[in-house]
């Protein structure tokens, strides 16, 4: 897999922005990627050194709602999230890069 296929998008929440101060960044990643592939993709994409990767897997869930016309069932999709700890350097997720 290529780096752009592994890293889907960064997770921007209060907790993840607080973790950025201690060089930890959170990304949604492909469900098929392992820790080594995630570390290489972050190193290639942002030019930093990765110290460690922690992975969390959210399972898909069944949801049933009651409506006026009856019950409606559906699923909430699953996800895979990686918390990447950097050895040194920073990742700037909030500014746009200027094109030359």
PDB file of N, CA and C in Angstrom:
ATOM      1  N   UNK A   1       0.828  -1.188   0.000  1.00  0.00           N
ATOM      2  CA  UNK A   1       0.000   0.000   0.000  1.00  0.00           C
ATOM      3  C   UNK A   1       0.870   1.247   0.000  1.00  0.00           C
ATOM      4  N   UNK A   2       0.360   2.284  -0.649  1.00  0.00           N
ATOM      5  CA  UNK A   2       1.048   3.566  -0.681  1.00  0.00           C
ATOM      6  C   UNK A   2       0.694   4.368   0.572  1.00  0.00           C
ATOM      7  N   UNK A   3       1.509   5.383   0.867  1.00  0.00           N
ATOM      8  CA  UNK A   3       1.294   6.189   2.064  1.00  0.00           C
ATOM      9  C   UNK A   3      -0.047   6.897   2.080  1.00  0.00           C
ATOM     10  N   UNK A   4      -0.492   7.389   0.915  1.00  0.00           N
ATOM     11  CA  UNK A   4      -1.766   8.091   0.858  1.00  0.00           C
ATOM     12  C   UNK A   4      -2.946   7.136   0.998  1.00  0.00           C
ATOM     13  N   UNK A   5      -2.739   5.840   0.792  1.00  0.00           N
ATOM     14  CA  UNK A   5      -3.789   4.856   1.000  1.00  0.00           C
ATOM     15  C   UNK A   5      -3.872   4.441   2.471  1.00  0.00           C
ATOM     16  N   UNK A   6      -2.785   4.579   3.201  1.00  0.00           N
ATOM     17  CA  UNK A   6      -2.735   4.156   4.604  1.00  0.00           C
ATOM     18  C   UNK A   6      -3.335   5.226   5.508  1.00  0.00           C
ATOM     19  N   UNK A   7      -2.869   6.459   5.397  1.00  0.00           N
ATOM     20  CA  UNK A   7      -3.361   7.550   6.238  1.00  0.00           C
ATOM     21  C   UNK A   7      -4.569   8.166   5.565  1.00  0.00           C
ATOM     22  N   UNK A   8      -5.733   8.061   6.202  1.00  0.00           N
ATOM     23  CA  UNK A   8      -6.949   8.633   5.626  1.00  0.00           C
ATOM     24  C   UNK A   8      -7.088  10.104   5.982  1.00  0.00           C
ATOM     25  N   UNK A   9      -7.059  10.421   7.300  1.00  0.00           N
ATOM     26  CA  UNK A   9      -7.167  11.808   7.725  1.00  0.00           C
ATOM     27  C   UNK A   9      -6.760  11.924   9.182  1.00  0.00           C
ATOM     28  N   UNK A  10      -6.339  13.119   9.614  1.00  0.00           N
ATOM     29  CA  UNK A  10      -6.028  13.311  11.029  1.00  0.00           C
ATOM     30  C   UNK A  10      -7.312  13.451  11.840  1.00  0.00           C
ATOM     31  N   UNK A  11      -7.241  13.079  13.101  1.00  0.00           N
ATOM     32  CA  UNK A  11      -8.365  13.232  14.016  1.00  0.00           C
ATOM     33  C   UNK A  11      -8.135  14.527  14.784  1.00  0.00           C
ATOM     34  N   UNK A  12      -9.074  15.469  14.645  1.00  0.00           N
ATOM     35  CA  UNK A  12      -8.945  16.767  15.296  1.00  0.00           C
ATOM     36  C   UNK A  12     -10.008  16.855  16.397  1.00  0.00           C
ATOM     37  N   UNK A  13      -9.598  16.627  17.633  1.00  0.00           N
ATOM     38  CA  UNK A  13     -10.471  16.746  18.797  1.00  0.00           C
ATOM     39  C   UNK A  13      -9.699  17.484  19.883  1.00  0.00           C
ATOM     40  N   UNK A  14     -10.371  17.772  20.979  1.00  0.00           N
ATOM     41  CA  UNK A  14      -9.676  18.429  22.097  1.00  0.00           C
ATOM     42  C   UNK A  14      -8.547  17.559  22.623  1.00  0.00           C
ATOM     43  N   UNK A  15      -8.834  16.281  22.782  1.00  0.00           N
ATOM     44  CA  UNK A  15      -7.829  15.373  23.326  1.00  0.00           C
ATOM     45  C   UNK A  15      -6.632  15.235  22.381  1.00  0.00           C
ATOM     46  N   UNK A  16      -6.891  15.117  21.075  1.00  0.00           N
ATOM     47  CA  UNK A  16      -5.785  14.936  20.137  1.00  0.00           C
ATOM     48  C   UNK A  16      -4.938  16.201  20.012  1.00  0.00           C
ATOM     49  N   UNK A  17      -5.542  17.384  20.106  1.00  0.00           N
ATOM     50  CA  UNK A  17      -4.741  18.599  20.064  1.00  0.00           C
ATOM     51  C   UNK A  17      -3.920  18.771  21.339  1.00  0.00           C
ATOM     52  N   UNK A  18      -4.435  18.297  22.474  1.00  0.00           N
ATOM     53  CA  UNK A  18      -3.649  18.328  23.713  1.00  0.00           C
ATOM     54  C   UNK A  18      -2.492  17.346  23.638  1.00  0.00           C
ATOM     55  N   UNK A  19      -2.689  16.210  22.993  1.00  0.00           N
ATOM     56  CA  UNK A  19      -1.617  15.228  22.840  1.00  0.00           C
ATOM     57  C   UNK A  19      -0.530  15.726  21.894  1.00  0.00           C
ATOM     58  N   UNK A  20      -0.878  16.628  20.982  1.00  0.00           N
ATOM     59  CA  UNK A  20       0.110  17.156  20.043  1.00  0.00           C
ATOM     60  C   UNK A  20       1.214  17.922  20.763  1.00  0.00           C
ATOM     61  N   UNK A  21       0.926  18.435  21.948  1.00  0.00           N
ATOM     62  CA  UNK A  21       1.942  19.154  22.716  1.00  0.00           C
ATOM     63  C   UNK A  21       3.032  18.221  23.236  1.00  0.00           C
ATOM     64  N   UNK A  22       2.725  16.926  23.355  1.00  0.00           N
ATOM     65  CA  UNK A  22       3.727  15.950  23.809  1.00  0.00           C
ATOM     66  C   UNK A  22       4.121  15.011  22.660  1.00  0.00           C
ATOM     67  N   UNK A  23       4.051  15.543  21.422  1.00  0.00           N
ATOM     68  CA  UNK A  23       4.476  14.843  20.202  1.00  0.00           C
ATOM     69  C   UNK A  23       3.698  13.561  19.926  1.00  0.00           C
ATOM     70  N   UNK A  24       2.395  13.552  20.202  1.00  0.00           N
ATOM     71  CA  UNK A  24       1.540  12.425  19.830  1.00  0.00           C
ATOM     72  C   UNK A  24       0.446  12.947  18.904  1.00  0.00           C
ATOM     73  N   UNK A  25       0.264  12.291  17.757  1.00  0.00           N
ATOM     74  CA  UNK A  25      -0.710  12.701  16.763  1.00  0.00           C
ATOM     75  C   UNK A  25      -1.611  11.524  16.428  1.00  0.00           C
ATOM     76  N   UNK A  26      -2.887  11.794  16.180  1.00  0.00           N
ATOM     77  CA  UNK A  26      -3.881  10.756  15.944  1.00  0.00           C
ATOM     78  C   UNK A  26      -4.366  10.829  14.503  1.00  0.00           C
ATOM     79  N   UNK A  27      -4.422   9.667  13.837  1.00  0.00           N
ATOM     80  CA  UNK A  27      -4.868   9.578  12.454  1.00  0.00           C
ATOM     81  C   UNK A  27      -5.852   8.428  12.295  1.00  0.00           C
ATOM     82  N   UNK A  28      -6.840   8.591  11.416  1.00  0.00           N
ATOM     83  CA  UNK A  28      -7.640   7.468  10.967  1.00  0.00           C
ATOM     84  C   UNK A  28      -6.844   6.794   9.860  1.00  0.00           C
ATOM     85  N   UNK A  29      -6.724   5.484   9.929  1.00  0.00           N
ATOM     86  CA  UNK A  29      -5.894   4.756   8.973  1.00  0.00           C
ATOM     87  C   UNK A  29      -6.686   3.623   8.338  1.00  0.00           C
ATOM     88  N   UNK A  30      -6.100   3.035   7.313  1.00  0.00           N
ATOM     89  CA  UNK A  30      -6.717   1.908   6.628  1.00  0.00           C
ATOM     90  C   UNK A  30      -6.816   0.711   7.563  1.00  0.00           C
ATOM     91  N   UNK A  31      -7.884  -0.052   7.441  1.00  0.00           N
ATOM     92  CA  UNK A  31      -8.094  -1.214   8.291  1.00  0.00           C
ATOM     93  C   UNK A  31      -7.108  -2.333   8.037  1.00  0.00           C
ATOM     94  N   UNK A  32      -6.443  -2.318   6.890  1.00  0.00           N
ATOM     95  CA  UNK A  32      -5.498  -3.375   6.535  1.00  0.00           C
ATOM     96  C   UNK A  32      -4.054  -3.039   6.905  1.00  0.00           C
ATOM     97  N   UNK A  33      -3.792  -1.808   7.347  1.00  0.00           N
ATOM     98  CA  UNK A  33      -2.424  -1.374   7.641  1.00  0.00           C
ATOM     99  C   UNK A  33      -1.981  -1.859   9.011  1.00  0.00           C
ATOM    100  N   UNK A  34      -0.687  -2.214   9.116  1.00  0.00           N
ATOM    101  CA  UNK A  34      -0.120  -2.586  10.415  1.00  0.00           C
ATOM    102  C   UNK A  34       0.732  -1.427  10.946  1.00  0.00           C
ATOM    103  N   UNK A  35       1.298  -1.612  12.141  1.00  0.00           N
ATOM    104  CA  UNK A  35       2.037  -0.535  12.798  1.00  0.00           C
ATOM    105  C   UNK A  35       3.255  -0.086  11.993  1.00  0.00           C
ATOM    106  N   UNK A  36       3.968  -1.023  11.384  1.00  0.00           N
ATOM    107  CA  UNK A  36       5.170  -0.687  10.627  1.00  0.00           C
ATOM    108  C   UNK A  36       4.812   0.141   9.401  1.00  0.00           C
ATOM    109  N   UNK A  37       3.756  -0.241   8.687  1.00  0.00           N
ATOM    110  CA  UNK A  37       3.326   0.509   7.510  1.00  0.00           C
ATOM    111  C   UNK A  37       2.848   1.904   7.889  1.00  0.00           C
ATOM    112  N   UNK A  38       2.159   2.022   9.017  1.00  0.00           N
ATOM    113  CA  UNK A  38       1.687   3.332   9.475  1.00  0.00           C
ATOM    114  C   UNK A  38       2.870   4.230   9.815  1.00  0.00           C
ATOM    115  N   UNK A  39       3.858   3.690  10.509  1.00  0.00           N
ATOM    116  CA  UNK A  39       5.044   4.480  10.873  1.00  0.00           C
ATOM    117  C   UNK A  39       5.782   4.960   9.624  1.00  0.00           C
ATOM    118  N   UNK A  40       5.960   4.083   8.644  1.00  0.00           N
ATOM    119  CA  UNK A  40       6.653   4.485   7.399  1.00  0.00           C
ATOM    120  C   UNK A  40       5.857   5.538   6.642  1.00  0.00           C
ATOM    121  N   UNK A  41       4.531   5.405   6.606  1.00  0.00           N
ATOM    122  CA  UNK A  41       3.703   6.373   5.892  1.00  0.00           C
ATOM    123  C   UNK A  41       3.787   7.752   6.534  1.00  0.00           C
ATOM    124  N   UNK A  42       3.783   7.817   7.865  1.00  0.00           N
ATOM    125  CA  UNK A  42       3.888   9.110   8.559  1.00  0.00           C
ATOM    126  C   UNK A  42       5.269   9.714   8.338  1.00  0.00           C
ATOM    127  N   UNK A  43       6.312   8.889   8.401  1.00  0.00           N
ATOM    128  CA  UNK A  43       7.665   9.396   8.174  1.00  0.00           C
ATOM    129  C   UNK A  43       7.814   9.949   6.762  1.00  0.00           C
ATOM    130  N   UNK A  44       7.270   9.260   5.771  1.00  0.00           N
ATOM    131  CA  UNK A  44       7.382   9.721   4.389  1.00  0.00           C
ATOM    132  C   UNK A  44       6.535  10.966   4.134  1.00  0.00           C
ATOM    133  N   UNK A  45       5.323  10.993   4.681  1.00  0.00           N
ATOM    134  CA  UNK A  45       4.403  12.093   4.402  1.00  0.00           C
ATOM    135  C   UNK A  45       4.814  13.397   5.079  1.00  0.00           C
ATOM    136  N   UNK A  46       5.338  13.313   6.308  1.00  0.00           N
ATOM    137  CA  UNK A  46       5.604  14.524   7.081  1.00  0.00           C
ATOM    138  C   UNK A  46       7.078  14.779   7.352  1.00  0.00           C
ATOM    139  N   UNK A  47       7.966  13.853   6.995  1.00  0.00           N
ATOM    140  CA  UNK A  47       9.399  14.055   7.180  1.00  0.00           C
ATOM    141  C   UNK A  47       9.832  14.102   8.631  1.00  0.00           C
ATOM    142  N   UNK A  48       9.280  13.233   9.471  1.00  0.00           N
ATOM    143  CA  UNK A  48       9.619  13.186  10.893  1.00  0.00           C
ATOM    144  C   UNK A  48      10.047  11.763  11.252  1.00  0.00           C
ATOM    145  N   UNK A  49      10.617  11.586  12.443  1.00  0.00           N
ATOM    146  CA  UNK A  49      10.996  10.264  12.938  1.00  0.00           C
ATOM    147  C   UNK A  49       9.943   9.784  13.934  1.00  0.00           C
ATOM    148  N   UNK A  50       9.453   8.559  13.725  1.00  0.00           N
ATOM    149  CA  UNK A  50       8.417   7.989  14.572  1.00  0.00           C
ATOM    150  C   UNK A  50       9.055   7.130  15.656  1.00  0.00           C
ATOM    151  N   UNK A  51       8.643   7.354  16.901  1.00  0.00           N
ATOM    152  CA  UNK A  51       9.138   6.580  18.030  1.00  0.00           C
ATOM    153  C   UNK A  51       8.276   5.349  18.270  1.00  0.00           C
ATOM    154  N   UNK A  52       6.951   5.505  18.153  1.00  0.00           N
ATOM    155  CA  UNK A  52       6.055   4.376  18.388  1.00  0.00           C
ATOM    156  C   UNK A  52       4.678   4.620  17.812  1.00  0.00           C
ATOM    157  N   UNK A  53       3.932   3.525  17.622  1.00  0.00           N
ATOM    158  CA  UNK A  53       2.581   3.600  17.079  1.00  0.00           C
ATOM    159  C   UNK A  53       1.663   2.735  17.942  1.00  0.00           C
ATOM    160  N   UNK A  54       0.564   3.301  18.421  1.00  0.00           N
ATOM    161  CA  UNK A  54      -0.479   2.540  19.118  1.00  0.00           C
ATOM    162  C   UNK A  54      -1.705   2.531  18.224  1.00  0.00           C
ATOM    163  N   UNK A  55      -2.370   1.368  18.131  1.00  0.00           N
ATOM    164  CA  UNK A  55      -3.501   1.209  17.223  1.00  0.00           C
ATOM    165  C   UNK A  55      -4.753   0.833  18.011  1.00  0.00           C
ATOM    166  N   UNK A  56      -5.869   1.490  17.685  1.00  0.00           N
ATOM    167  CA  UNK A  56      -7.174   1.174  18.271  1.00  0.00           C
ATOM    168  C   UNK A  56      -8.119   0.785  17.136  1.00  0.00           C
ATOM    169  N   UNK A  57      -8.896  -0.274  17.341  1.00  0.00           N
ATOM    170  CA  UNK A  57      -9.844  -0.722  16.336  1.00  0.00           C
ATOM    171  C   UNK A  57     -11.251  -0.594  16.901  1.00  0.00           C
ATOM    172  N   UNK A  58     -12.070   0.213  16.234  1.00  0.00           N
ATOM    173  CA  UNK A  58     -13.475   0.359  16.612  1.00  0.00           C
ATOM    174  C   UNK A  58     -14.309  -0.590  15.771  1.00  0.00           C
ATOM    175  N   UNK A  59     -15.049  -1.444  16.415  1.00  0.00           N
ATOM    176  CA  UNK A  59     -15.853  -2.438  15.712  1.00  0.00           C
ATOM    177  C   UNK A  59     -17.137  -1.803  15.173  1.00  0.00           C
ATOM    178  N   UNK A  60     -17.661  -2.299  14.043  1.00  0.00           N
ATOM    179  CA  UNK A  60     -18.956  -1.819  13.559  1.00  0.00           C
ATOM    180  C   UNK A  60     -20.070  -2.208  14.532  1.00  0.00           C
ATOM    181  N   UNK A  61     -21.074  -1.351  14.655  1.00  0.00           N
ATOM    182  CA  UNK A  61     -22.162  -1.599  15.608  1.00  0.00           C
ATOM    183  C   UNK A  61     -23.511  -1.563  14.902  1.00  0.00           C
ATOM    184  N   UNK A  62     -24.411  -2.421  15.337  1.00  0.00           N
ATOM    185  CA  UNK A  62     -25.785  -2.436  14.841  1.00  0.00           C
ATOM    186  C   UNK A  62     -26.610  -1.420  15.633  1.00  0.00           C
ATOM    187  N   UNK A  63     -27.408  -0.626  14.938  1.00  0.00           N
ATOM    188  CA  UNK A  63     -28.286   0.345  15.583  1.00  0.00           C
ATOM    189  C   UNK A  63     -29.702   0.135  15.084  1.00  0.00           C
ATOM    190  N   UNK A  64     -30.665   0.191  15.990  1.00  0.00           N
ATOM    191  CA  UNK A  64     -32.073   0.083  15.638  1.00  0.00           C
ATOM    192  C   UNK A  64     -32.785   1.307  16.197  1.00  0.00           C
ATOM    193  N   UNK A  65     -33.501   2.026  15.318  1.00  0.00           N
ATOM    194  CA  UNK A  65     -34.244   3.211  15.730  1.00  0.00           C
ATOM    195  C   UNK A  65     -35.730   2.966  15.557  1.00  0.00           C
ATOM    196  N   UNK A  66     -36.499   3.567  16.431  1.00  0.00           N
ATOM    197  CA  UNK A  66     -37.950   3.511  16.319  1.00  0.00           C
ATOM    198  C   UNK A  66     -38.422   4.785  15.636  1.00  0.00           C
ATOM    199  N   UNK A  67     -39.146   4.659  14.523  1.00  0.00           N
ATOM    200  CA  UNK A  67     -39.707   5.808  13.822  1.00  0.00           C
ATOM    201  C   UNK A  67     -41.229   5.689  13.802  1.00  0.00           C
ATOM    202  N   UNK A  68     -41.888   6.662  13.220  1.00  0.00           N
ATOM    203  CA  UNK A  68     -43.356   6.626  13.134  1.00  0.00           C
ATOM    204  C   UNK A  68     -43.835   5.430  12.301  1.00  0.00           C
ATOM    205  N   UNK A  69     -43.058   5.085  11.281  1.00  0.00           N
ATOM    206  CA  UNK A  69     -43.479   4.013  10.388  1.00  0.00           C
ATOM    207  C   UNK A  69     -42.961   2.639  10.810  1.00  0.00           C
ATOM    208  N   UNK A  70     -42.253   2.544  11.898  1.00  0.00           N
ATOM    209  CA  UNK A  70     -41.755   1.253  12.367  1.00  0.00           C
ATOM    210  C   UNK A  70     -40.292   1.325  12.756  1.00  0.00           C
ATOM    211  N   UNK A  71     -39.681   0.163  12.838  1.00  0.00           N
ATOM    212  CA  UNK A  71     -38.273   0.107  13.209  1.00  0.00           C
ATOM    213  C   UNK A  71     -37.389   0.208  11.979  1.00  0.00           C
ATOM    214  N   UNK A  72     -36.267   0.907  12.146  1.00  0.00           N
ATOM    215  CA  UNK A  72     -35.278   1.042  11.075  1.00  0.00           C
ATOM    216  C   UNK A  72     -33.951   0.554  11.640  1.00  0.00           C
ATOM    217  N   UNK A  73     -33.312  -0.373  10.949  1.00  0.00           N
ATOM    218  CA  UNK A  73     -32.026  -0.872  11.430  1.00  0.00           C
ATOM    219  C   UNK A  73     -30.918  -0.425  10.481  1.00  0.00           C
ATOM    220  N   UNK A  74     -29.747  -0.308  11.022  1.00  0.00           N
ATOM    221  CA  UNK A  74     -28.594   0.094  10.233  1.00  0.00           C
ATOM    222  C   UNK A  74     -27.329  -0.203  11.009  1.00  0.00           C
ATOM    223  N   UNK A  75     -26.196   0.143  10.422  1.00  0.00           N
ATOM    224  CA  UNK A  75     -24.917  -0.088  11.086  1.00  0.00           C
ATOM    225  C   UNK A  75     -24.101   1.196  11.116  1.00  0.00           C
ATOM    226  N   UNK A  76     -23.321   1.328  12.155  1.00  0.00           N
ATOM    227  CA  UNK A  76     -22.322   2.381  12.248  1.00  0.00           C
ATOM    228  C   UNK A  76     -21.006   1.730  11.848  1.00  0.00           C
ATOM    229  N   UNK A  77     -20.322   2.318  10.868  1.00  0.00           N
ATOM    230  CA  UNK A  77     -19.130   1.676  10.333  1.00  0.00           C
ATOM    231  C   UNK A  77     -17.998   1.630  11.352  1.00  0.00           C
ATOM    232  N   UNK A  78     -17.134   0.655  11.202  1.00  0.00           N
ATOM    233  CA  UNK A  78     -15.968   0.520  12.067  1.00  0.00           C
ATOM    234  C   UNK A  78     -14.840   1.423  11.593  1.00  0.00           C
ATOM    235  N   UNK A  79     -13.788   1.508  12.382  1.00  0.00           N
ATOM    236  CA  UNK A  79     -12.654   2.357  12.044  1.00  0.00           C
ATOM    237  C   UNK A  79     -11.393   1.790  12.670  1.00  0.00           C
ATOM    238  N   UNK A  80     -10.254   2.261  12.189  1.00  0.00           N
ATOM    239  CA  UNK A  80      -8.961   1.947  12.790  1.00  0.00           C
ATOM    240  C   UNK A  80      -8.251   3.271  12.997  1.00  0.00           C
ATOM    241  N   UNK A  81      -7.795   3.498  14.223  1.00  0.00           N
ATOM    242  CA  UNK A  81      -7.185   4.764  14.597  1.00  0.00           C
ATOM    243  C   UNK A  81      -5.777   4.493  15.105  1.00  0.00           C
ATOM    244  N   UNK A  82      -4.827   5.332  14.705  1.00  0.00           N
ATOM    245  CA  UNK A  82      -3.442   5.170  15.140  1.00  0.00           C
ATOM    246  C   UNK A  82      -2.993   6.421  15.879  1.00  0.00           C
ATOM    247  N   UNK A  83      -2.387   6.226  17.048  1.00  0.00           N
ATOM    248  CA  UNK A  83      -1.766   7.315  17.793  1.00  0.00           C
ATOM    249  C   UNK A  83      -0.264   7.170  17.590  1.00  0.00           C
ATOM    250  N   UNK A  84       0.318   8.148  16.912  1.00  0.00           N
ATOM    251  CA  UNK A  84       1.725   8.099  16.524  1.00  0.00           C
ATOM    252  C   UNK A  84       2.525   9.009  17.443  1.00  0.00           C
ATOM    253  N   UNK A  85       3.557   8.462  18.083  1.00  0.00           N
ATOM    254  CA  UNK A  85       4.449   9.238  18.934  1.00  0.00           C
ATOM    255  C   UNK A  85       5.707   9.549  18.145  1.00  0.00           C
ATOM    256  N   UNK A  86       6.066  10.824  18.100  1.00  0.00           N
ATOM    257  CA  UNK A  86       7.245  11.257  17.348  1.00  0.00           C
ATOM    258  C   UNK A  86       8.456  11.340  18.248  1.00  0.00           C
ATOM    259  N   UNK A  87       9.607  11.022  17.664  1.00  0.00           N
ATOM    260  CA  UNK A  87      10.873  11.131  18.386  1.00  0.00           C
ATOM    261  C   UNK A  87      11.249  12.597  18.545  1.00  0.00           C
ATOM    262  N   UNK A  88      11.142  13.329  17.438  1.00  0.00           N
ATOM    263  CA  UNK A  88      11.442  14.758  17.441  1.00  0.00           C
ATOM    264  C   UNK A  88      10.705  15.398  16.283  1.00  0.00           C
ATOM    265  N   UNK A  89      10.549  16.702  16.350  1.00  0.00           N
ATOM    266  CA  UNK A  89       9.853  17.413  15.287  1.00  0.00           C
ATOM    267  C   UNK A  89       8.374  17.577  15.585  1.00  0.00           C
ATOM    268  N   UNK A  90       7.719  18.314  14.721  1.00  0.00           N
ATOM    269  CA  UNK A  90       6.292  18.603  14.854  1.00  0.00           C
ATOM    270  C   UNK A  90       5.619  18.381  13.515  1.00  0.00           C
ATOM    271  N   UNK A  91       4.316  18.093  13.560  1.00  0.00           N
ATOM    272  CA  UNK A  91       3.485  18.008  12.366  1.00  0.00           C
ATOM    273  C   UNK A  91       2.500  19.150  12.450  1.00  0.00           C
ATOM    274  N   UNK A  92       2.475  20.002  11.432  1.00  0.00           N
ATOM    275  CA  UNK A  92       1.561  21.135  11.418  1.00  0.00           C
ATOM    276  C   UNK A  92       0.327  20.755  10.606  1.00  0.00           C
ATOM    277  N   UNK A  93      -0.765  20.437  11.300  1.00  0.00           N
ATOM    278  CA  UNK A  93      -1.984  19.982  10.639  1.00  0.00           C
ATOM    279  C   UNK A  93      -2.957  21.112  10.340  1.00  0.00           C
ATOM    280  N   UNK A  94      -2.709  22.309  10.834  1.00  0.00           N
ATOM    281  CA  UNK A  94      -3.705  23.363  10.766  1.00  0.00           C
ATOM    282  C   UNK A  94      -3.418  24.429   9.723  1.00  0.00           C
ATOM    283  N   UNK A  95      -2.267  24.432   9.072  1.00  0.00           N
ATOM    284  CA  UNK A  95      -1.989  25.454   8.077  1.00  0.00           C
ATOM    285  C   UNK A  95      -1.953  24.829   6.691  1.00  0.00           C
ATOM    286  N   UNK A  96      -2.359  25.631   5.717  1.00  0.00           N
ATOM    287  CA  UNK A  96      -2.327  25.162   4.342  1.00  0.00           C
ATOM    288  C   UNK A  96      -0.957  25.473   3.750  1.00  0.00           C
ATOM    289  N   UNK A  97      -0.498  24.580   2.894  1.00  0.00           N
ATOM    290  CA  UNK A  97       0.777  24.795   2.227  1.00  0.00           C
ATOM    291  C   UNK A  97       0.550  25.650   0.978  1.00  0.00           C
ATOM    292  N   UNK A  98       1.446  26.600   0.753  1.00  0.00           N
ATOM    293  CA  UNK A  98       1.334  27.473  -0.408  1.00  0.00           C
ATOM    294  C   UNK A  98       1.955  26.791  -1.607  1.00  0.00           C
ATOM    295  N   UNK A  99       1.292  26.910  -2.753  1.00  0.00           N
ATOM    296  CA  UNK A  99       1.828  26.366  -3.993  1.00  0.00           C
ATOM    297  C   UNK A  99       2.690  27.420  -4.664  1.00  0.00           C
ATOM    298  N   UNK A 100       3.775  26.976  -5.289  1.00  0.00           N
ATOM    299  CA  UNK A 100       4.670  27.923  -5.968  1.00  0.00           C
ATOM    300  C   UNK A 100       4.388  27.930  -7.443  1.00  0.00           C
TER     301      UNK A 100
END
